[in-house]
C-alpha atoms as a PDB file:
ATOM      1  CA  MET A   1     157.502  90.783 128.255  1.00  0.00           C
ATOM      2  CA  ALA A   2     155.034  88.372 126.656  1.00  0.00           C
ATOM      3  CA  ASP A   3     153.305  85.925 129.031  1.00  0.00           C
ATOM      4  CA  TRP A   4     154.942  82.478 129.194  1.00  0.00           C
ATOM      5  CA  ALA A   5     152.457  79.756 128.347  1.00  0.00           C
ATOM      6  CA  LEU A   6     153.041  75.850 129.015  1.00  0.00           C
ATOM      7  CA  LYS A   7     152.810  73.923 125.597  1.00  0.00           C
ATOM      8  CA  ARG A   8     152.528  70.253 125.180  1.00  0.00           C
ATOM      9  CA  PHE A   9     155.647  68.615 125.498  1.00  0.00           C
ATOM     10  CA  TRP A  10     154.687  65.111 126.513  1.00  0.00           C
ATOM     11  CA  LYS A  11     153.156  62.123 124.698  1.00  0.00           C
ATOM     12  CA  THR A  12     151.727  60.270 127.540  1.00  0.00           C
ATOM     13  CA  ALA A  13     150.211  60.910 130.909  1.00  0.00           C
ATOM     14  CA  SER A  14     149.824  58.229 133.284  1.00  0.00           C
ATOM     15  CA  VAL A  15     148.748  57.266 136.809  1.00  0.00           C
ATOM     16  CA  ALA A  16     151.438  56.304 139.404  1.00  0.00           C
ATOM     17  CA  ASP A  17     151.590  55.190 142.907  1.00  0.00           C
ATOM     18  CA  ILE A  18     153.758  57.283 145.596  1.00  0.00           C
ATOM     19  CA  ASP A  19     154.011  57.497 149.122  1.00  0.00           C
ATOM     20  CA  GLY A  20     150.916  59.192 150.602  1.00  0.00           C
ATOM     21  CA  GLY A  21     148.680  58.528 147.488  1.00  0.00           C
ATOM     22  CA  PHE A  22     148.953  59.089 143.822  1.00  0.00           C
ATOM     23  CA  THR A  23     150.365  61.218 141.087  1.00  0.00           C
ATOM     24  CA  VAL A  24     150.434  61.974 137.621  1.00  0.00           C
ATOM     25  CA  HIS A  25     153.409  61.337 135.428  1.00  0.00           C
ATOM     26  CA  LEU A  26     153.982  62.725 132.097  1.00  0.00           C
ATOM     27  CA  ASP A  27     156.197  60.574 130.066  1.00  0.00           C
ATOM     28  CA  GLY A  28     157.340  59.163 133.175  1.00  0.00           C
ATOM     29  CA  ARG A  29     158.390  62.687 135.097  1.00  0.00           C
ATOM     30  CA  PRO A  30     156.070  63.643 138.036  1.00  0.00           C
ATOM     31  CA  VAL A  31     153.640  66.472 137.747  1.00  0.00           C
ATOM     32  CA  ARG A  32     154.175  69.299 140.304  1.00  0.00           C
ATOM     33  CA  THR A  33     151.898  71.860 141.541  1.00  0.00           C
ATOM     34  CA  PRO A  34     152.214  75.700 140.519  1.00  0.00           C
ATOM     35  CA  ALA A  35     154.048  76.058 143.797  1.00  0.00           C
ATOM     36  CA  LYS A  36     156.530  73.054 143.018  1.00  0.00           C
ATOM     37  CA  ASN A  37     154.881  70.808 145.629  1.00  0.00           C
ATOM     38  CA  PRO A  38     154.635  67.173 144.971  1.00  0.00           C
ATOM     39  CA  LEU A  39     151.291  66.433 143.513  1.00  0.00           C
ATOM     40  CA  VAL A  40     149.894  63.782 146.044  1.00  0.00           C
ATOM     41  CA  LEU A  41     146.224  62.873 145.235  1.00  0.00           C
ATOM     42  CA  PRO A  42     144.261  60.767 147.813  1.00  0.00           C
ATOM     43  CA  SER A  43     142.649  58.368 145.153  1.00  0.00           C
ATOM     44  CA  ARG A  44     143.663  56.792 141.946  1.00  0.00           C
ATOM     45  CA  ALA A  45     140.362  57.823 140.786  1.00  0.00           C
ATOM     46  CA  MET A  46     141.078  61.541 141.015  1.00  0.00           C
ATOM     47  CA  ALA A  47     144.873  60.828 139.558  1.00  0.00           C
ATOM     48  CA  ALA A  48     143.220  59.084 136.660  1.00  0.00           C
ATOM     49  CA  ALA A  49     140.816  62.239 136.173  1.00  0.00           C
ATOM     50  CA  ALA A  50     143.776  64.491 136.479  1.00  0.00           C
ATOM     51  CA  ALA A  51     146.042  62.507 133.858  1.00  0.00           C
ATOM     52  CA  ALA A  52     143.138  62.668 131.447  1.00  0.00           C
ATOM     53  CA  GLU A  53     142.746  66.147 131.683  1.00  0.00           C
ATOM     54  CA  TRP A  54     146.651  66.340 130.882  1.00  0.00           C
ATOM     55  CA  ASP A  55     146.018  63.937 127.968  1.00  0.00           C
ATOM     56  CA  ALA A  56     143.351  66.192 126.398  1.00  0.00           C
ATOM     57  CA  GLN A  57     145.475  69.166 126.186  1.00  0.00           C
ATOM     58  CA  GLU A  58     146.477  69.792 122.603  1.00  0.00           C
ATOM     59  CA  GLY A  59     149.061  72.633 122.068  1.00  0.00           C
ATOM     60  CA  GLU A  60     149.157  75.483 124.482  1.00  0.00           C
ATOM     61  CA  VAL A  61     147.794  73.988 127.824  1.00  0.00           C
ATOM     62  CA  ARG A  62     144.509  75.362 128.959  1.00  0.00           C
ATOM     63  CA  PRO A  63     144.154  75.388 133.069  1.00  0.00           C
ATOM     64  CA  VAL A  64     140.418  76.188 132.466  1.00  0.00           C
ATOM     65  CA  THR A  65     139.621  72.943 131.018  1.00  0.00           C
ATOM     66  CA  MET A  66     141.466  71.216 133.840  1.00  0.00           C
ATOM     67  CA  PRO A  67     139.139  71.534 136.703  1.00  0.00           C
ATOM     68  CA  VAL A  68     140.527  68.394 138.601  1.00  0.00           C
ATOM     69  CA  MET A  69     143.941  69.575 138.643  1.00  0.00           C
ATOM     70  CA  ARG A  70     142.917  73.170 139.528  1.00  0.00           C
ATOM     71  CA  GLY A  71     141.352  71.696 142.735  1.00  0.00           C
ATOM     72  CA  ALA A  72     144.103  69.525 143.640  1.00  0.00           C
ATOM     73  CA  ASN A  73     146.481  72.475 143.293  1.00  0.00           C
ATOM     74  CA  ALA A  74     144.227  74.520 145.327  1.00  0.00           C
ATOM     75  CA  ALA A  75     144.425  71.847 147.812  1.00  0.00           C
ATOM     76  CA  ILE A  76     147.809  71.369 148.231  1.00  0.00           C
ATOM     77  CA  ASP A  77     149.261  74.992 147.607  1.00  0.00           C
ATOM     78  CA  LYS A  78     146.531  77.049 149.166  1.00  0.00           C
ATOM     79  CA  VAL A  79     144.221  75.144 151.552  1.00  0.00           C
ATOM     80  CA  SER A  80     146.718  72.821 153.158  1.00  0.00           C
ATOM     81  CA  VAL A  81     148.655  75.592 154.301  1.00  0.00           C
ATOM     82  CA  GLN A  82     146.122  77.757 155.903  1.00  0.00           C
ATOM     83  CA  LYS A  83     143.562  74.939 156.627  1.00  0.00           C
ATOM     84  CA  ASP A  84     142.204  76.555 159.897  1.00  0.00           C
ATOM     85  CA  GLU A  85     141.454  80.015 158.220  1.00  0.00           C
ATOM     86  CA  VAL A  86     139.844  78.322 155.181  1.00  0.00           C
ATOM     87  CA  ALA A  87     137.771  76.129 157.787  1.00  0.00           C
ATOM     88  CA  ALA A  88     136.595  79.115 159.754  1.00  0.00           C
ATOM     89  CA  LEU A  89     135.809  81.244 156.692  1.00  0.00           C
ATOM     90  CA  ILE A  90     133.560  78.185 155.468  1.00  0.00           C
ATOM     91  CA  ALA A  91     131.887  77.644 158.935  1.00  0.00           C
ATOM     92  CA  ALA A  92     130.971  81.413 159.211  1.00  0.00           C
ATOM     93  CA  TYR A  93     128.396  81.126 156.496  1.00  0.00           C
ATOM     94  CA  ALA A  94     126.173  79.518 159.087  1.00  0.00           C
ATOM     95  CA  GLU A  95     125.917  82.966 161.025  1.00  0.00           C
ATOM     96  CA  SER A  96     123.829  84.207 158.006  1.00  0.00           C
ATOM     97  CA  ASP A  97     123.153  81.128 156.071  1.00  0.00           C
ATOM     98  CA  LEU A  98     120.958  81.682 152.853  1.00  0.00           C
ATOM     99  CA  LEU A  99     118.361  79.257 154.304  1.00  0.00           C
ATOM    100  CA  CYS A 100     117.724  81.375 157.287  1.00  0.00           C
ATOM    101  CA  HIS A 101     116.782  84.573 155.500  1.00  0.00           C
ATOM    102  CA  ARG A 102     113.146  84.612 154.067  1.00  0.00           C
ATOM    103  CA  ALA A 103     111.199  86.767 152.088  1.00  0.00           C
ATOM    104  CA  ASP A 104     108.202  88.266 153.927  1.00  0.00           C
ATOM    105  CA  SER A 105     106.040  88.563 150.827  1.00  0.00           C
ATOM    106  CA  PRO A 106     104.580  87.733 148.250  1.00  0.00           C
ATOM    107  CA  GLU A 107     102.985  84.654 149.797  1.00  0.00           C
ATOM    108  CA  ALA A 108     103.895  82.401 147.091  1.00  0.00           C
ATOM    109  CA  LEU A 109     107.646  83.303 147.468  1.00  0.00           C
ATOM    110  CA  VAL A 110     107.362  82.710 151.136  1.00  0.00           C
ATOM    111  CA  ALA A 111     105.782  79.203 150.564  1.00  0.00           C
ATOM    112  CA  ARG A 112     108.459  78.167 148.050  1.00  0.00           C
ATOM    113  CA  GLN A 113     111.288  79.033 150.230  1.00  0.00           C
ATOM    114  CA  ALA A 114     109.499  77.338 153.122  1.00  0.00           C
ATOM    115  CA  ALA A 115     108.917  74.361 150.985  1.00  0.00           C
ATOM    116  CA  ALA A 116     112.336  73.851 149.841  1.00  0.00           C
ATOM    117  CA  TRP A 117     114.325  75.344 152.649  1.00  0.00           C
ATOM    118  CA  ASP A 118     112.463  73.893 155.723  1.00  0.00           C
ATOM    119  CA  PRO A 119     113.494  70.040 155.042  1.00  0.00           C
ATOM    120  CA  LEU A 120     117.296  71.077 154.871  1.00  0.00           C
ATOM    121  CA  LEU A 121     117.086  72.991 158.120  1.00  0.00           C
ATOM    122  CA  ASP A 122     115.261  70.161 159.651  1.00  0.00           C
ATOM    123  CA  TRP A 123     118.215  67.866 158.227  1.00  0.00           C
ATOM    124  CA  ALA A 124     120.848  70.234 159.740  1.00  0.00           C
ATOM    125  CA  ARG A 125     118.991  69.897 163.119  1.00  0.00           C
ATOM    126  CA  ASP A 126     118.826  66.246 163.069  1.00  0.00           C
ATOM    127  CA  ALA A 127     121.499  65.029 161.110  1.00  0.00           C
ATOM    128  CA  LEU A 128     124.212  67.561 162.113  1.00  0.00           C
ATOM    129  CA  ASP A 129     123.097  68.554 165.495  1.00  0.00           C
ATOM    130  CA  ALA A 130     122.876  72.120 164.434  1.00  0.00           C
ATOM    131  CA  PRO A 131     119.557  73.584 164.483  1.00  0.00           C
ATOM    132  CA  LEU A 132     119.433  76.879 163.023  1.00  0.00           C
ATOM    133  CA  ILE A 133     116.769  79.811 163.212  1.00  0.00           C
ATOM    134  CA  PRO A 134     114.966  81.101 159.960  1.00  0.00           C
ATOM    135  CA  VAL A 135     113.732  84.855 159.903  1.00  0.00           C
ATOM    136  CA  ALA A 136     112.425  87.271 157.653  1.00  0.00           C
ATOM    137  CA  GLY A 137     114.696  89.633 156.012  1.00  0.00           C
ATOM    138  CA  VAL A 138     118.240  89.821 155.304  1.00  0.00           C
ATOM    139  CA  ILE A 139     119.285  91.444 158.746  1.00  0.00           C
ATOM    140  CA  PRO A 140     121.482  88.757 160.477  1.00  0.00           C
ATOM    141  CA  CYS A 141     119.856  87.284 163.710  1.00  0.00           C
ATOM    142  CA  ASP A 142     122.252  85.505 166.152  1.00  0.00           C
ATOM    143  CA  GLN A 143     122.095  81.664 165.600  1.00  0.00           C
ATOM    144  CA  PRO A 144     122.560  79.381 168.429  1.00  0.00           C
ATOM    145  CA  PRO A 145     126.111  79.280 169.669  1.00  0.00           C
ATOM    146  CA  GLU A 146     126.272  75.702 170.161  1.00  0.00           C
ATOM    147  CA  SER A 147     124.899  75.183 166.581  1.00  0.00           C
ATOM    148  CA  LEU A 148     127.759  77.434 165.271  1.00  0.00           C
ATOM    149  CA  ARG A 149     130.232  75.502 167.486  1.00  0.00           C
ATOM    150  CA  THR A 150     129.146  72.080 166.199  1.00  0.00           C
ATOM    151  CA  LEU A 151     129.092  73.224 162.437  1.00  0.00           C
ATOM    152  CA  ARG A 152     132.753  74.723 163.002  1.00  0.00           C
ATOM    153  CA  GLU A 153     133.925  71.563 164.513  1.00  0.00           C
ATOM    154  CA  GLN A 154     132.782  69.358 161.684  1.00  0.00           C
ATOM    155  CA  VAL A 155     134.191  71.517 158.998  1.00  0.00           C
ATOM    156  CA  SER A 156     137.700  71.821 160.735  1.00  0.00           C
ATOM    157  CA  ALA A 157     137.836  67.979 160.875  1.00  0.00           C
ATOM    158  CA  MET A 158     137.868  67.873 157.162  1.00  0.00           C
ATOM    159  CA  ASP A 159     141.149  67.409 155.049  1.00  0.00           C
ATOM    160  CA  ALA A 160     142.076  69.971 152.604  1.00  0.00           C
ATOM    161  CA  PHE A 161     140.816  68.088 149.475  1.00  0.00           C
ATOM    162  CA  THR A 162     137.410  67.805 151.243  1.00  0.00           C
ATOM    163  CA  LEU A 163     137.631  71.580 152.362  1.00  0.00           C
ATOM    164  CA  THR A 164     138.539  72.540 148.871  1.00  0.00           C
ATOM    165  CA  ALA A 165     135.318  71.226 147.385  1.00  0.00           C
ATOM    166  CA  LEU A 166     133.022  72.265 150.280  1.00  0.00           C
ATOM    167  CA  HIS A 167     134.537  75.753 149.667  1.00  0.00           C
ATOM    168  CA  ASP A 168     133.197  75.996 146.331  1.00  0.00           C
ATOM    169  CA  LEU A 169     129.695  74.288 147.293  1.00  0.00           C
ATOM    170  CA  VAL A 170     129.261  76.806 150.309  1.00  0.00           C
ATOM    171  CA  GLY A 171     130.754  79.669 148.309  1.00  0.00           C
ATOM    172  CA  LEU A 172     128.522  79.103 145.061  1.00  0.00           C
ATOM    173  CA  SER A 173     125.493  78.435 146.990  1.00  0.00           C
ATOM    174  CA  GLY A 174     125.603  80.991 149.941  1.00  0.00           C
ATOM    175  CA  SER A 175     124.865  78.315 152.433  1.00  0.00           C
ATOM    176  CA  LEU A 176     126.814  76.253 154.571  1.00  0.00           C
ATOM    177  CA  VAL A 177     123.735  73.963 154.930  1.00  0.00           C
ATOM    178  CA  ILE A 178     123.449  73.271 151.102  1.00  0.00           C
ATOM    179  CA  GLY A 179     127.199  72.838 150.927  1.00  0.00           C
ATOM    180  CA  LEU A 180     127.120  69.986 153.504  1.00  0.00           C
ATOM    181  CA  ALA A 181     124.024  68.445 152.129  1.00  0.00           C
ATOM    182  CA  ALA A 182     125.723  68.522 148.547  1.00  0.00           C
ATOM    183  CA  MET A 183     128.307  66.100 150.351  1.00  0.00           C
ATOM    184  CA  THR A 184     125.644  63.640 150.997  1.00  0.00           C
ATOM    185  CA  ASP A 185     123.174  61.902 148.680  1.00  0.00           C
ATOM    186  CA  ILE A 186     119.904  63.257 150.501  1.00  0.00           C
ATOM    187  CA  GLN A 187     119.004  64.967 147.420  1.00  0.00           C
ATOM    188  CA  PRO A 188     120.662  65.368 144.142  1.00  0.00           C
ATOM    189  CA  VAL A 189     123.111  67.703 143.616  1.00  0.00           C
ATOM    190  CA  GLU A 190     121.367  69.596 140.875  1.00  0.00           C
ATOM    191  CA  THR A 191     118.208  69.892 142.968  1.00  0.00           C
ATOM    192  CA  LEU A 192     120.269  71.432 145.828  1.00  0.00           C
ATOM    193  CA  TRP A 193     121.680  74.094 143.265  1.00  0.00           C
ATOM    194  CA  ASP A 194     118.032  74.916 142.110  1.00  0.00           C
ATOM    195  CA  ILE A 195     117.242  75.233 145.747  1.00  0.00           C
ATOM    196  CA  SER A 196     119.961  77.675 146.312  1.00  0.00           C
ATOM    197  CA  ARG A 197     118.394  79.960 143.248  1.00  0.00           C
ATOM    198  CA  ILE A 198     115.090  79.992 144.518  1.00  0.00           C
ATOM    199  CA  ASP A 199     115.043  83.719 144.800  1.00  0.00           C
ATOM    200  CA  GLU A 200     116.822  84.191 141.233  1.00  0.00           C
ATOM    201  CA  THR A 201     114.230  81.940 139.738  1.00  0.00           C
ATOM    202  CA  TRP A 202     111.240  83.932 141.331  1.00  0.00           C
ATOM    203  CA  GLN A 203     112.600  87.209 139.747  1.00  0.00           C
ATOM    204  CA  GLU A 204     113.298  85.679 136.529  1.00  0.00           C
ATOM    205  CA  GLU A 205     109.571  84.531 136.468  1.00  0.00           C
ATOM    206  CA  GLN A 206     108.394  87.935 137.196  1.00  0.00           C
ATOM    207  CA  TRP A 207     110.536  89.880 135.075  1.00  0.00           C
ATOM    208  CA  GLY A 208     112.108  87.462 132.342  1.00  0.00           C
ATOM    209  CA  VAL A 209     115.555  86.187 131.972  1.00  0.00           C
ATOM    210  CA  ASP A 210     118.465  88.340 131.628  1.00  0.00           C
ATOM    211  CA  GLU A 211     120.815  86.650 129.250  1.00  0.00           C
ATOM    212  CA  GLU A 212     124.134  87.884 130.579  1.00  0.00           C
ATOM    213  CA  ALA A 213     122.930  86.754 134.177  1.00  0.00           C
ATOM    214  CA  ALA A 214     121.747  83.466 132.898  1.00  0.00           C
ATOM    215  CA  GLU A 215     125.422  82.551 131.557  1.00  0.00           C
ATOM    216  CA  VAL A 216     126.898  83.629 134.733  1.00  0.00           C
ATOM    217  CA  ALA A 217     124.305  81.414 136.752  1.00  0.00           C
ATOM    218  CA  GLU A 218     125.056  78.623 134.312  1.00  0.00           C
ATOM    219  CA  ALA A 219     128.705  78.913 134.890  1.00  0.00           C
ATOM    220  CA  LYS A 220     128.129  78.833 138.512  1.00  0.00           C
ATOM    221  CA  LYS A 221     126.163  75.754 138.159  1.00  0.00           C
ATOM    222  CA  ARG A 222     128.993  73.784 136.293  1.00  0.00           C
ATOM    223  CA  ASP A 223     131.386  74.819 138.970  1.00  0.00           C
ATOM    224  CA  PHE A 224     128.900  73.729 141.758  1.00  0.00           C
ATOM    225  CA  LEU A 225     128.409  70.245 140.132  1.00  0.00           C
ATOM    226  CA  GLN A 226     132.151  69.982 139.439  1.00  0.00           C
ATOM    227  CA  ALA A 227     133.031  70.821 143.224  1.00  0.00           C
ATOM    228  CA  ARG A 228     130.717  67.595 143.863  1.00  0.00           C
ATOM    229  CA  ARG A 229     132.689  65.648 141.303  1.00  0.00           C
ATOM    230  CA  PHE A 230     135.866  66.790 142.844  1.00  0.00           C
ATOM    231  CA  LEU A 231     134.417  65.553 146.400  1.00  0.00           C
ATOM    232  CA  ASP A 232     133.296  62.355 144.783  1.00  0.00           C
ATOM    233  CA  LEU A 233     137.122  61.627 143.300  1.00  0.00           C
ATOM    234  CA  THR A 234     138.695  62.000 146.654  1.00  0.00           C
ATOM    235  CA  ARG A 235     136.391  59.121 148.162  1.00  0.00           C
ATOM    236  CA  PHE A 236     136.799  56.507 145.130  1.00  0.00           C
ATOM    237  CA  SER A 237     139.610  54.160 145.342  1.00  0.00           C
END
């Protein structure tokens, strides 16, 4: 059987107020998620961005071009129904956070990691009350239990839409600290992405750029920046 694909059937996508938030209407009919749940969005800004994605579709609907809708669907259909599990998965990154695993050589790479990563660990210690211990090598070390507990509590307190954004920020960067920092304005989100790629950048400087790997990295960067945009849309009125 051929795969069924949704084709554009509506003329206008619009934003509507509903109980609990905002939604998108297609010619006056409310959009639902793939699991048939009501599309209840936390801000008018997110609903407007989602409506714009629907309006941009021509012919066959292409979900890959609708990152706000995909994020909203994930938050409603997946994250909200297993919130504790998702929060635990994200918080567990602190046990082996990228920023805590340093090279032991060469000196130039060690220095570059320290210059970029130490300030973020200092921020986690001071702003999040969660000091973490950096070590040389990839073998995990036991991080302070109180720090892990504090970070777990902070992540668990987030709503489903925020967790959806954080899930991507952390998973793509490999660091809970970077993900949490990307939710703030302590550094530009583009800078934080570059900080997460120090090891890869170093390898490229030594051995040259692999075009296929560079394309994958660029796609991940777009997703990282989109996760921050999705987070911002949850905050705007």
